[in-house]
């Protein structure tokens, strides 16, 4: 049974990387990479699918989220909503900016793009 743990860990890391590797263009800058890390650690449990094509508890995040408004996304992150806790006592302002910078690089899922 112990032999399967490293394989499971490797698969989990690879799947998470695939879920996070949805940016449009070239490589991420340092701020965007920090945002990707923070999103995976703190937001991924609700906003990233655990398997490709899987459902998420919260809406999938992409550049069109919050109608493209950085200020609205900032308000959601800091203050939360009826279904989401606020993170104003957890994230520093630079952390929130980094998350927003990363989310703005993520392409909309195919289903979301079709519904526009």
C-alpha atoms as a PDB file:
ATOM      1  CA  UNK A   1       0.000   0.000   0.000  1.00  0.00           C
ATOM      2  CA  UNK A   2       2.884   2.397   0.742  1.00  0.00           C
ATOM      3  CA  UNK A   3       4.062   2.079  -2.867  1.00  0.00           C
ATOM      4  CA  UNK A   4       0.876   3.712  -4.110  1.00  0.00           C
ATOM      5  CA  UNK A   5       1.201   6.897  -2.048  1.00  0.00           C
ATOM      6  CA  UNK A   6       3.961   8.474  -4.197  1.00  0.00           C
ATOM      7  CA  UNK A   7       2.057   7.592  -7.365  1.00  0.00           C
ATOM      8  CA  UNK A   8      -1.152   9.119  -5.997  1.00  0.00           C
ATOM      9  CA  UNK A   9       0.735  12.239  -4.943  1.00  0.00           C
ATOM     10  CA  UNK A  10       2.320  12.556  -8.388  1.00  0.00           C
ATOM     11  CA  UNK A  11      -1.064  12.197 -10.093  1.00  0.00           C
ATOM     12  CA  UNK A  12      -2.619  14.795  -7.786  1.00  0.00           C
ATOM     13  CA  UNK A  13       0.178  17.285  -8.528  1.00  0.00           C
ATOM     14  CA  UNK A  14      -0.037  16.659 -12.275  1.00  0.00           C
ATOM     15  CA  UNK A  15      -3.822  17.103 -12.325  1.00  0.00           C
ATOM     16  CA  UNK A  16      -3.572  20.320 -10.322  1.00  0.00           C
ATOM     17  CA  UNK A  17      -0.929  21.644 -12.716  1.00  0.00           C
ATOM     18  CA  UNK A  18      -3.176  20.851 -15.704  1.00  0.00           C
ATOM     19  CA  UNK A  19      -6.094  22.626 -14.052  1.00  0.00           C
ATOM     20  CA  UNK A  20      -3.944  25.666 -13.363  1.00  0.00           C
ATOM     21  CA  UNK A  21      -2.188  25.738 -16.749  1.00  0.00           C
ATOM     22  CA  UNK A  22      -5.046  27.438 -18.588  1.00  0.00           C
ATOM     23  CA  UNK A  23      -3.473  30.775 -19.316  1.00  0.00           C
ATOM     24  CA  UNK A  24      -3.821  32.243 -22.809  1.00  0.00           C
ATOM     25  CA  UNK A  25      -0.386  33.253 -23.893  1.00  0.00           C
ATOM     26  CA  UNK A  26       3.195  33.222 -22.843  1.00  0.00           C
ATOM     27  CA  UNK A  27       4.735  32.501 -19.503  1.00  0.00           C
ATOM     28  CA  UNK A  28       3.382  33.970 -16.294  1.00  0.00           C
ATOM     29  CA  UNK A  29       5.224  36.804 -14.603  1.00  0.00           C
ATOM     30  CA  UNK A  30       6.191  36.607 -10.924  1.00  0.00           C
ATOM     31  CA  UNK A  31       2.999  38.221  -9.657  1.00  0.00           C
ATOM     32  CA  UNK A  32       0.820  35.888 -11.722  1.00  0.00           C
ATOM     33  CA  UNK A  33       2.789  32.854 -10.547  1.00  0.00           C
ATOM     34  CA  UNK A  34       2.269  33.942  -6.931  1.00  0.00           C
ATOM     35  CA  UNK A  35      -1.436  34.379  -7.660  1.00  0.00           C
ATOM     36  CA  UNK A  36      -1.619  30.889  -9.163  1.00  0.00           C
ATOM     37  CA  UNK A  37       0.023  29.464  -6.043  1.00  0.00           C
ATOM     38  CA  UNK A  38      -2.329  31.333  -3.688  1.00  0.00           C
ATOM     39  CA  UNK A  39      -5.374  30.367  -5.712  1.00  0.00           C
ATOM     40  CA  UNK A  40      -4.375  26.687  -5.666  1.00  0.00           C
ATOM     41  CA  UNK A  41      -3.692  26.730  -1.927  1.00  0.00           C
ATOM     42  CA  UNK A  42      -6.610  28.789  -0.664  1.00  0.00           C
ATOM     43  CA  UNK A  43      -9.270  28.913  -3.373  1.00  0.00           C
ATOM     44  CA  UNK A  44      -8.740  25.690  -5.285  1.00  0.00           C
ATOM     45  CA  UNK A  45     -10.781  23.529  -2.941  1.00  0.00           C
ATOM     46  CA  UNK A  46     -13.933  25.281  -4.198  1.00  0.00           C
ATOM     47  CA  UNK A  47     -12.930  26.836  -7.531  1.00  0.00           C
ATOM     48  CA  UNK A  48     -10.751  24.184  -9.213  1.00  0.00           C
ATOM     49  CA  UNK A  49     -12.065  20.808 -10.383  1.00  0.00           C
ATOM     50  CA  UNK A  50     -10.539  17.789  -8.693  1.00  0.00           C
ATOM     51  CA  UNK A  51     -10.715  15.904 -12.003  1.00  0.00           C
ATOM     52  CA  UNK A  52     -10.682  17.256 -15.541  1.00  0.00           C
ATOM     53  CA  UNK A  53     -14.208  18.279 -16.463  1.00  0.00           C
ATOM     54  CA  UNK A  54     -15.413  17.834 -12.874  1.00  0.00           C
ATOM     55  CA  UNK A  55     -17.881  20.122 -11.135  1.00  0.00           C
ATOM     56  CA  UNK A  56     -16.710  22.681  -8.607  1.00  0.00           C
ATOM     57  CA  UNK A  57     -18.463  24.016  -5.518  1.00  0.00           C
ATOM     58  CA  UNK A  58     -17.767  27.603  -6.516  1.00  0.00           C
ATOM     59  CA  UNK A  59     -17.759  28.994 -10.052  1.00  0.00           C
ATOM     60  CA  UNK A  60     -14.671  28.318 -12.153  1.00  0.00           C
ATOM     61  CA  UNK A  61     -12.469  31.404 -12.183  1.00  0.00           C
ATOM     62  CA  UNK A  62     -11.300  32.904 -15.474  1.00  0.00           C
ATOM     63  CA  UNK A  63     -10.649  36.277 -17.062  1.00  0.00           C
ATOM     64  CA  UNK A  64     -14.373  36.919 -17.557  1.00  0.00           C
ATOM     65  CA  UNK A  65     -15.226  36.267 -13.899  1.00  0.00           C
ATOM     66  CA  UNK A  66     -16.949  39.175 -12.150  1.00  0.00           C
ATOM     67  CA  UNK A  67     -17.619  40.596 -15.627  1.00  0.00           C
ATOM     68  CA  UNK A  68     -13.906  41.368 -15.922  1.00  0.00           C
ATOM     69  CA  UNK A  69     -14.048  43.833 -13.029  1.00  0.00           C
ATOM     70  CA  UNK A  70     -10.956  43.686 -10.826  1.00  0.00           C
ATOM     71  CA  UNK A  71     -12.649  45.802  -8.150  1.00  0.00           C
ATOM     72  CA  UNK A  72     -15.644  43.470  -7.976  1.00  0.00           C
ATOM     73  CA  UNK A  73     -13.361  40.428  -7.751  1.00  0.00           C
ATOM     74  CA  UNK A  74     -11.374  42.188  -5.007  1.00  0.00           C
ATOM     75  CA  UNK A  75     -14.607  42.808  -3.081  1.00  0.00           C
ATOM     76  CA  UNK A  76     -15.625  39.135  -3.370  1.00  0.00           C
ATOM     77  CA  UNK A  77     -12.197  37.929  -2.212  1.00  0.00           C
ATOM     78  CA  UNK A  78     -12.039  40.305   0.737  1.00  0.00           C
ATOM     79  CA  UNK A  79     -15.678  40.320   1.872  1.00  0.00           C
ATOM     80  CA  UNK A  80     -16.962  36.981   0.599  1.00  0.00           C
ATOM     81  CA  UNK A  81     -20.574  36.263  -0.273  1.00  0.00           C
ATOM     82  CA  UNK A  82     -23.441  34.137   1.030  1.00  0.00           C
ATOM     83  CA  UNK A  83     -21.590  30.962  -0.063  1.00  0.00           C
ATOM     84  CA  UNK A  84     -17.981  32.117   0.242  1.00  0.00           C
ATOM     85  CA  UNK A  85     -16.014  33.281   3.264  1.00  0.00           C
ATOM     86  CA  UNK A  86     -14.191  36.582   3.121  1.00  0.00           C
ATOM     87  CA  UNK A  87     -10.407  36.597   3.192  1.00  0.00           C
ATOM     88  CA  UNK A  88      -9.731  40.171   4.346  1.00  0.00           C
ATOM     89  CA  UNK A  89      -8.005  38.935   7.500  1.00  0.00           C
ATOM     90  CA  UNK A  90      -6.062  36.253   5.626  1.00  0.00           C
ATOM     91  CA  UNK A  91      -4.690  37.841   2.447  1.00  0.00           C
ATOM     92  CA  UNK A  92      -2.510  40.915   2.190  1.00  0.00           C
ATOM     93  CA  UNK A  93      -3.474  43.456  -0.518  1.00  0.00           C
ATOM     94  CA  UNK A  94      -0.582  42.254  -2.705  1.00  0.00           C
ATOM     95  CA  UNK A  95      -1.879  38.671  -2.404  1.00  0.00           C
ATOM     96  CA  UNK A  96      -5.318  39.723  -3.644  1.00  0.00           C
ATOM     97  CA  UNK A  97      -3.718  41.645  -6.520  1.00  0.00           C
ATOM     98  CA  UNK A  98      -1.670  38.568  -7.431  1.00  0.00           C
ATOM     99  CA  UNK A  99      -4.728  36.289  -7.450  1.00  0.00           C
ATOM    100  CA  UNK A 100      -6.595  38.737  -9.665  1.00  0.00           C
ATOM    101  CA  UNK A 101      -3.589  39.076 -11.986  1.00  0.00           C
ATOM    102  CA  UNK A 102      -3.444  35.294 -12.381  1.00  0.00           C
ATOM    103  CA  UNK A 103      -7.205  34.832 -12.864  1.00  0.00           C
ATOM    104  CA  UNK A 104      -7.106  37.418 -15.668  1.00  0.00           C
ATOM    105  CA  UNK A 105      -4.737  35.082 -17.592  1.00  0.00           C
ATOM    106  CA  UNK A 106      -7.070  32.072 -17.448  1.00  0.00           C
ATOM    107  CA  UNK A 107      -9.224  31.403 -20.518  1.00  0.00           C
ATOM    108  CA  UNK A 108     -12.939  30.902 -20.023  1.00  0.00           C
ATOM    109  CA  UNK A 109     -14.023  27.261 -20.048  1.00  0.00           C
ATOM    110  CA  UNK A 110     -15.565  26.160 -23.345  1.00  0.00           C
ATOM    111  CA  UNK A 111     -19.091  26.000 -21.856  1.00  0.00           C
ATOM    112  CA  UNK A 112     -18.780  29.515 -20.404  1.00  0.00           C
ATOM    113  CA  UNK A 113     -17.466  30.874 -23.702  1.00  0.00           C
ATOM    114  CA  UNK A 114     -20.426  29.348 -25.587  1.00  0.00           C
ATOM    115  CA  UNK A 115     -22.957  30.940 -23.209  1.00  0.00           C
ATOM    116  CA  UNK A 116     -21.820  34.513 -23.940  1.00  0.00           C
END
